[in-house]
C-alpha atoms as a PDB file:
ATOM      1  CA  MET A   1      96.605  88.712  99.334  1.00  0.00           C
ATOM      2  CA  GLY A   2      97.372  85.015  98.987  1.00  0.00           C
ATOM      3  CA  VAL A   3     100.514  85.160 101.169  1.00  0.00           C
ATOM      4  CA  SER A   4     101.041  82.215 103.488  1.00  0.00           C
ATOM      5  CA  GLY A   5     101.349  83.310 107.119  1.00  0.00           C
ATOM      6  CA  ARG A   6     103.173  80.055 107.879  1.00  0.00           C
ATOM      7  CA  ARG A   7     105.697  80.423 105.090  1.00  0.00           C
ATOM      8  CA  PHE A   8     106.129  84.192 105.548  1.00  0.00           C
ATOM      9  CA  PRO A   9     105.362  85.020 109.188  1.00  0.00           C
ATOM     10  CA  SER A  10     105.071  88.682 110.127  1.00  0.00           C
ATOM     11  CA  SER A  11     108.192  90.210 111.618  1.00  0.00           C
ATOM     12  CA  ILE A  12     106.765  90.232 115.136  1.00  0.00           C
ATOM     13  CA  GLU A  13     105.578  86.626 114.857  1.00  0.00           C
ATOM     14  CA  ALA A  14     109.012  85.467 113.720  1.00  0.00           C
ATOM     15  CA  LEU A  15     110.682  87.457 116.507  1.00  0.00           C
ATOM     16  CA  LEU A  16     108.313  86.052 119.146  1.00  0.00           C
ATOM     17  CA  ARG A  17     108.909  82.486 117.946  1.00  0.00           C
ATOM     18  CA  ARG A  18     112.658  83.017 118.356  1.00  0.00           C
ATOM     19  CA  ALA A  19     112.154  84.549 121.809  1.00  0.00           C
ATOM     20  CA  PHE A  20     109.937  81.670 123.008  1.00  0.00           C
ATOM     21  CA  LYS A  21     112.662  79.193 122.044  1.00  0.00           C
ATOM     22  CA  GLY A  22     114.757  80.758 124.791  1.00  0.00           C
ATOM     23  CA  GLY A  23     117.826  82.880 124.962  1.00  0.00           C
ATOM     24  CA  GLU A  24     118.419  86.389 123.750  1.00  0.00           C
ATOM     25  CA  PRO A  25     117.128  87.723 120.436  1.00  0.00           C
ATOM     26  CA  PRO A  26     119.820  87.957 117.768  1.00  0.00           C
ATOM     27  CA  ARG A  27     121.958  91.080 118.106  1.00  0.00           C
ATOM     28  CA  ILE A  28     122.354  92.949 114.835  1.00  0.00           C
ATOM     29  CA  ASN A  29     123.195  96.571 115.625  1.00  0.00           C
ATOM     30  CA  PRO A  30     121.962  99.076 118.227  1.00  0.00           C
ATOM     31  CA  LEU A  31     119.157 100.478 116.064  1.00  0.00           C
ATOM     32  CA  VAL A  32     117.781  97.072 115.002  1.00  0.00           C
ATOM     33  CA  ASP A  33     118.190  95.767 118.546  1.00  0.00           C
ATOM     34  CA  PHE A  34     116.158  98.752 119.809  1.00  0.00           C
ATOM     35  CA  HIS A  35     113.336  98.130 117.321  1.00  0.00           C
ATOM     36  CA  ASN A  36     113.319  94.412 118.213  1.00  0.00           C
ATOM     37  CA  SER A  37     113.052  95.254 121.922  1.00  0.00           C
ATOM     38  CA  VAL A  38     110.096  97.579 121.222  1.00  0.00           C
ATOM     39  CA  SER A  39     108.481  94.839 119.130  1.00  0.00           C
ATOM     40  CA  LEU A  40     108.905  92.240 121.859  1.00  0.00           C
ATOM     41  CA  ARG A  41     107.805  94.503 124.695  1.00  0.00           C
ATOM     42  CA  HIS A  42     104.625  95.707 122.982  1.00  0.00           C
ATOM     43  CA  VAL A  43     104.024  92.731 120.624  1.00  0.00           C
ATOM     44  CA  VAL A  44     103.866  94.980 117.562  1.00  0.00           C
ATOM     45  CA  PRO A  45     106.072  95.103 114.483  1.00  0.00           C
ATOM     46  CA  ALA A  46     108.518  98.009 114.593  1.00  0.00           C
ATOM     47  CA  GLY A  47     111.357  98.939 112.317  1.00  0.00           C
ATOM     48  CA  GLY A  48     113.251 101.765 110.757  1.00  0.00           C
ATOM     49  CA  PHE A  49     115.230 102.782 107.722  1.00  0.00           C
ATOM     50  CA  ASP A  50     118.510 104.630 107.434  1.00  0.00           C
ATOM     51  CA  LEU A  51     117.360 107.475 105.210  1.00  0.00           C
ATOM     52  CA  GLU A  52     120.994 108.196 104.275  1.00  0.00           C
ATOM     53  CA  ASP A  53     121.014 104.869 102.387  1.00  0.00           C
ATOM     54  CA  ILE A  54     117.758 105.522 100.518  1.00  0.00           C
ATOM     55  CA  ASP A  55     117.961 107.407  97.216  1.00  0.00           C
ATOM     56  CA  GLY A  56     114.616 109.153  97.091  1.00  0.00           C
ATOM     57  CA  PRO A  57     111.433 109.467  99.119  1.00  0.00           C
ATOM     58  CA  LEU A  58     110.238 106.602 101.310  1.00  0.00           C
ATOM     59  CA  GLU A  59     106.610 105.692 100.594  1.00  0.00           C
ATOM     60  CA  LEU A  60     104.052 103.393 102.188  1.00  0.00           C
ATOM     61  CA  ARG A  61     101.963 102.296  99.204  1.00  0.00           C
ATOM     62  CA  LEU A  62     100.584  99.419  97.179  1.00  0.00           C
ATOM     63  CA  THR A  63     103.092  97.627  94.981  1.00  0.00           C
ATOM     64  CA  ARG A  64     103.047  98.177  91.224  1.00  0.00           C
ATOM     65  CA  GLN A  65     103.742  96.049  88.160  1.00  0.00           C
ATOM     66  CA  LYS A  66     107.454  96.950  87.737  1.00  0.00           C
ATOM     67  CA  ASP A  67     108.425  96.920  91.425  1.00  0.00           C
ATOM     68  CA  THR A  68     111.174  94.567  92.629  1.00  0.00           C
ATOM     69  CA  PHE A  69     112.268  93.282  96.032  1.00  0.00           C
ATOM     70  CA  GLN A  70     115.692  92.075  97.205  1.00  0.00           C
ATOM     71  CA  PRO A  71     115.145  89.404  99.899  1.00  0.00           C
ATOM     72  CA  LEU A  72     117.708  89.374 102.693  1.00  0.00           C
ATOM     73  CA  ASP A  73     118.341  85.675 102.138  1.00  0.00           C
ATOM     74  CA  GLY A  74     118.121  85.799  98.328  1.00  0.00           C
ATOM     75  CA  SER A  75     120.784  86.261  95.728  1.00  0.00           C
ATOM     76  CA  SER A  76     118.744  88.255  93.207  1.00  0.00           C
ATOM     77  CA  GLU A  77     115.832  90.654  92.989  1.00  0.00           C
ATOM     78  CA  VAL A  78     112.357  89.197  92.620  1.00  0.00           C
ATOM     79  CA  GLY A  79     109.248  90.704  91.107  1.00  0.00           C
ATOM     80  CA  VAL A  80     106.237  91.410  93.277  1.00  0.00           C
ATOM     81  CA  GLU A  81     102.549  91.153  92.570  1.00  0.00           C
ATOM     82  CA  PRO A  82     100.760  94.488  92.264  1.00  0.00           C
ATOM     83  CA  GLY A  83      98.572  95.449  95.210  1.00  0.00           C
ATOM     84  CA  GLU A  84     100.711  94.413  98.208  1.00  0.00           C
ATOM     85  CA  VAL A  85     101.102  96.936 101.038  1.00  0.00           C
ATOM     86  CA  ALA A  86     104.798  97.815 101.168  1.00  0.00           C
ATOM     87  CA  TYR A  87     107.416 100.413 101.936  1.00  0.00           C
ATOM     88  CA  ALA A  88     109.016 101.533  98.691  1.00  0.00           C
ATOM     89  CA  CYS A  89     111.568 103.899  97.257  1.00  0.00           C
ATOM     90  CA  GLY A  90     110.897 104.343  93.559  1.00  0.00           C
ATOM     91  CA  ASN A  91     110.443 100.840  92.129  1.00  0.00           C
ATOM     92  CA  GLU A  92     112.462  99.210  94.920  1.00  0.00           C
ATOM     93  CA  ILE A  93     110.319  97.510  97.561  1.00  0.00           C
ATOM     94  CA  LEU A  94     112.018  97.737 100.949  1.00  0.00           C
ATOM     95  CA  THR A  95     109.550  95.966 103.246  1.00  0.00           C
ATOM     96  CA  ARG A  96     106.647  93.730 102.329  1.00  0.00           C
ATOM     97  CA  TYR A  97     104.277  91.065 103.681  1.00  0.00           C
ATOM     98  CA  PHE A  98     102.379  93.156 106.191  1.00  0.00           C
ATOM     99  CA  ILE A  99     100.451  90.243 107.720  1.00  0.00           C
ATOM    100  CA  SER A 100      98.451  90.818 110.871  1.00  0.00           C
ATOM    101  CA  LEU A 101      98.225  88.230 113.615  1.00  0.00           C
END
């Protein structure tokens, strides 16, 4: 896909790096904390979506030309290249960069 694993580590890789630095993983809320604990215990990416906050069906699909993504640390939506594996709702990409270790 042309995505750098160093620049964009998978969720489990990023979580493991934080854990190996010592201390507790960051606490976000009970649901996210639960998914992080599952990820750390089994060394697999795990996550969830609050379906009440999603307007439409949740899909696991390849990205399309007009899809956009709102990064958590970004101030504006960004376009995505077609063909990435992602969770989507309509043209909004919710999760991307499925990179295996």
